[in-house]
Structure formats: structure tokens, C-alpha cells
Amino acid sequence: MSERSGTLADDPFAGRRPTSHERLTGLPWDASYHDGPAPWAVGRPQPAVVRLAAEGGAPAWLATIKRI
């Protein structure tokens, strides 16, 4: 059985296979940002990003991002 619908207008994934998040929600990836922060937005930089920035492996401004 194909994951594609009859027409591209009916296909929220534009003919491509949906990601695991899209399969879980049934919505395109961009819809995660429409009604507030995305589920993975934790309101602070991820610890790995802070560590990279502190070690000079990422731009310092990257560790200041609060919400994307």
C-alpha cells in the first residue's frame, strides 16, 4: 500500500515519506511550530551546545539561544 495520496494537494507530505514525528502526529513537520513552541523546545540551550560553545567548537552566540 502506498503512503501517497491521490493528489499532491491532498498530501501534506508533498509526495515524500513522512518523518517519525510526522507519522506520530499525522501532521507535516512545520505544523509543530504553529501553536506555540515545538515539543522539543526546552526553553534553554541544550547542554551539548553550551559545552561546544564553551570549548570553542561552536559560535558563542549559539549558547545564548533561548527558543528557536
N, C-alpha and C. Protein backbone atom coordinates (compact mmCIF):
# COMPACT_ATOMS: atom_id res chain seq x y z
N MET A 1 0.85 -1.19 0.00
CA MET A 1 0.00 0.00 0.00
C MET A 1 0.89 1.25 0.00
N SER A 2 0.60 2.18 -0.81
CA SER A 2 1.39 3.39 -0.93
C SER A 2 1.02 4.40 0.16
N GLU A 3 2.03 5.18 0.61
CA GLU A 3 1.77 6.24 1.58
C GLU A 3 1.34 7.53 0.88
N ARG A 4 1.34 7.52 -0.43
CA ARG A 4 0.97 8.72 -1.18
C ARG A 4 -0.52 8.78 -1.36
N SER A 5 -1.04 9.99 -1.37
CA SER A 5 -2.47 10.17 -1.60
C SER A 5 -2.72 10.40 -3.08
N GLY A 6 -3.98 10.64 -3.42
CA GLY A 6 -4.35 10.80 -4.81
C GLY A 6 -3.70 11.97 -5.51
N THR A 7 -3.62 13.12 -4.85
CA THR A 7 -3.02 14.29 -5.46
C THR A 7 -2.08 14.95 -4.47
N LEU A 8 -1.16 15.76 -4.98
CA LEU A 8 -0.25 16.47 -4.09
C LEU A 8 -0.99 17.46 -3.19
N ALA A 9 -2.10 18.00 -3.68
CA ALA A 9 -2.88 18.94 -2.86
C ALA A 9 -3.45 18.23 -1.63
N ASP A 10 -3.73 16.93 -1.75
CA ASP A 10 -4.26 16.15 -0.62
C ASP A 10 -3.15 15.59 0.26
N ASP A 11 -1.90 15.74 -0.16
CA ASP A 11 -0.77 15.11 0.50
C ASP A 11 0.02 16.13 1.32
N PRO A 12 -0.13 16.14 2.65
CA PRO A 12 0.57 17.12 3.47
C PRO A 12 2.08 16.92 3.47
N PHE A 13 2.56 15.78 2.97
CA PHE A 13 3.99 15.50 2.97
C PHE A 13 4.62 15.69 1.59
N ALA A 14 3.89 16.25 0.67
CA ALA A 14 4.38 16.61 -0.66
C ALA A 14 5.04 15.44 -1.39
N GLY A 15 4.47 14.26 -1.25
CA GLY A 15 4.96 13.12 -2.00
C GLY A 15 6.13 12.39 -1.37
N ARG A 16 6.64 12.88 -0.25
CA ARG A 16 7.78 12.22 0.40
C ARG A 16 7.27 11.38 1.57
N ARG A 17 8.12 10.48 2.02
CA ARG A 17 7.76 9.68 3.20
C ARG A 17 7.78 10.57 4.43
N PRO A 18 6.80 10.49 5.29
CA PRO A 18 6.80 11.32 6.50
C PRO A 18 7.87 10.87 7.49
N THR A 19 8.37 11.82 8.28
CA THR A 19 9.33 11.50 9.33
C THR A 19 8.60 10.76 10.45
N SER A 20 9.35 10.23 11.41
CA SER A 20 8.72 9.52 12.52
C SER A 20 7.82 10.47 13.32
N HIS A 21 8.24 11.72 13.49
CA HIS A 21 7.41 12.70 14.20
C HIS A 21 6.12 12.96 13.42
N GLU A 22 6.24 13.07 12.11
CA GLU A 22 5.06 13.30 11.27
C GLU A 22 4.12 12.11 11.31
N ARG A 23 4.66 10.90 11.32
CA ARG A 23 3.79 9.72 11.41
C ARG A 23 3.08 9.69 12.75
N LEU A 24 3.78 10.06 13.81
CA LEU A 24 3.19 10.06 15.14
C LEU A 24 2.05 11.07 15.25
N THR A 25 2.27 12.29 14.73
CA THR A 25 1.27 13.34 14.85
C THR A 25 0.27 13.36 13.70
N GLY A 26 0.67 12.83 12.54
CA GLY A 26 -0.18 12.89 11.35
C GLY A 26 -0.14 14.24 10.66
N LEU A 27 0.78 15.10 11.09
CA LEU A 27 0.90 16.45 10.54
C LEU A 27 2.29 16.68 9.97
N PRO A 28 2.43 17.60 9.00
CA PRO A 28 3.74 17.93 8.48
C PRO A 28 4.63 18.54 9.58
N TRP A 29 5.93 18.41 9.41
CA TRP A 29 6.92 18.91 10.38
C TRP A 29 6.66 20.36 10.77
N ASP A 30 6.41 21.23 9.81
CA ASP A 30 6.22 22.65 10.08
C ASP A 30 5.04 22.92 11.01
N ALA A 31 4.07 22.03 11.05
CA ALA A 31 2.92 22.23 11.92
C ALA A 31 3.31 22.22 13.39
N SER A 32 4.46 21.65 13.72
CA SER A 32 4.93 21.61 15.10
C SER A 32 5.16 23.01 15.66
N TYR A 33 5.37 23.97 14.78
CA TYR A 33 5.68 25.33 15.20
C TYR A 33 4.48 26.27 15.17
N HIS A 34 3.32 25.81 14.73
CA HIS A 34 2.18 26.70 14.54
C HIS A 34 1.47 27.12 15.82
N ASP A 35 1.41 26.26 16.81
CA ASP A 35 0.64 26.55 18.02
C ASP A 35 1.54 26.63 19.26
N GLY A 36 2.57 27.42 19.18
CA GLY A 36 3.50 27.55 20.30
C GLY A 36 4.80 26.83 20.02
N PRO A 37 5.59 26.67 21.05
CA PRO A 37 6.90 26.05 20.83
C PRO A 37 6.76 24.58 20.42
N ALA A 38 7.70 24.14 19.64
CA ALA A 38 7.72 22.74 19.23
C ALA A 38 7.97 21.86 20.46
N PRO A 39 7.54 20.60 20.42
CA PRO A 39 7.66 19.75 21.59
C PRO A 39 9.09 19.57 22.08
N TRP A 40 10.06 19.74 21.20
CA TRP A 40 11.46 19.56 21.59
C TRP A 40 12.11 20.85 22.05
N ALA A 41 11.40 21.96 22.02
CA ALA A 41 11.94 23.24 22.51
C ALA A 41 11.85 23.23 24.03
N VAL A 42 12.99 23.28 24.69
CA VAL A 42 13.01 23.18 26.15
C VAL A 42 13.22 24.53 26.82
N GLY A 43 13.31 25.61 26.04
CA GLY A 43 13.41 26.94 26.61
C GLY A 43 14.81 27.36 27.03
N ARG A 44 15.79 26.53 26.74
CA ARG A 44 17.18 26.87 27.07
C ARG A 44 18.07 26.09 26.10
N PRO A 45 19.32 26.51 25.95
CA PRO A 45 20.21 25.76 25.06
C PRO A 45 20.44 24.34 25.58
N GLN A 46 20.55 23.42 24.69
CA GLN A 46 20.87 22.05 25.07
C GLN A 46 22.28 22.00 25.68
N PRO A 47 22.52 21.19 26.70
CA PRO A 47 23.83 21.13 27.34
C PRO A 47 24.98 20.86 26.37
N ALA A 48 24.76 20.03 25.38
CA ALA A 48 25.83 19.74 24.42
C ALA A 48 26.21 20.99 23.63
N VAL A 49 25.25 21.84 23.31
CA VAL A 49 25.53 23.08 22.58
C VAL A 49 26.32 24.03 23.47
N VAL A 50 25.93 24.15 24.73
CA VAL A 50 26.64 25.01 25.68
C VAL A 50 28.09 24.53 25.81
N ARG A 51 28.27 23.22 25.93
CA ARG A 51 29.62 22.66 26.07
C ARG A 51 30.45 22.94 24.82
N LEU A 52 29.88 22.74 23.64
CA LEU A 52 30.61 23.02 22.40
C LEU A 52 31.03 24.49 22.31
N ALA A 53 30.11 25.37 22.66
CA ALA A 53 30.41 26.80 22.61
C ALA A 53 31.52 27.15 23.61
N ALA A 54 31.47 26.57 24.81
CA ALA A 54 32.48 26.84 25.83
C ALA A 54 33.86 26.33 25.40
N GLU A 55 33.88 25.25 24.64
CA GLU A 55 35.13 24.65 24.19
C GLU A 55 35.61 25.25 22.87
N GLY A 56 34.87 26.21 22.33
CA GLY A 56 35.27 26.84 21.07
C GLY A 56 34.86 26.06 19.84
N GLY A 57 34.03 25.02 20.00
CA GLY A 57 33.62 24.21 18.86
C GLY A 57 32.38 24.71 18.17
N ALA A 58 31.75 25.73 18.71
CA ALA A 58 30.55 26.32 18.11
C ALA A 58 30.59 27.81 18.40
N PRO A 59 29.94 28.62 17.59
CA PRO A 59 29.91 30.06 17.86
C PRO A 59 29.30 30.33 19.24
N ALA A 60 29.87 31.26 19.97
CA ALA A 60 29.41 31.57 21.33
C ALA A 60 27.93 31.99 21.34
N TRP A 61 27.48 32.69 20.29
CA TRP A 61 26.09 33.14 20.27
C TRP A 61 25.12 31.96 20.28
N LEU A 62 25.56 30.80 19.81
CA LEU A 62 24.68 29.65 19.75
C LEU A 62 24.22 29.23 21.15
N ALA A 63 25.06 29.41 22.14
CA ALA A 63 24.70 29.02 23.50
C ALA A 63 23.74 30.00 24.16
N THR A 64 23.47 31.13 23.52
CA THR A 64 22.57 32.13 24.09
C THR A 64 21.14 31.97 23.60
N ILE A 65 20.90 31.10 22.65
CA ILE A 65 19.57 30.92 22.08
C ILE A 65 18.64 30.35 23.15
N LYS A 66 17.55 31.01 23.40
CA LYS A 66 16.56 30.59 24.39
C LYS A 66 15.49 29.70 23.78
N ARG A 67 15.00 30.08 22.62
CA ARG A 67 13.96 29.31 21.95
C ARG A 67 14.10 29.54 20.46
N ILE A 68 14.03 28.47 19.72
CA ILE A 68 14.12 28.56 18.26
C ILE A 68 12.74 28.47 17.69
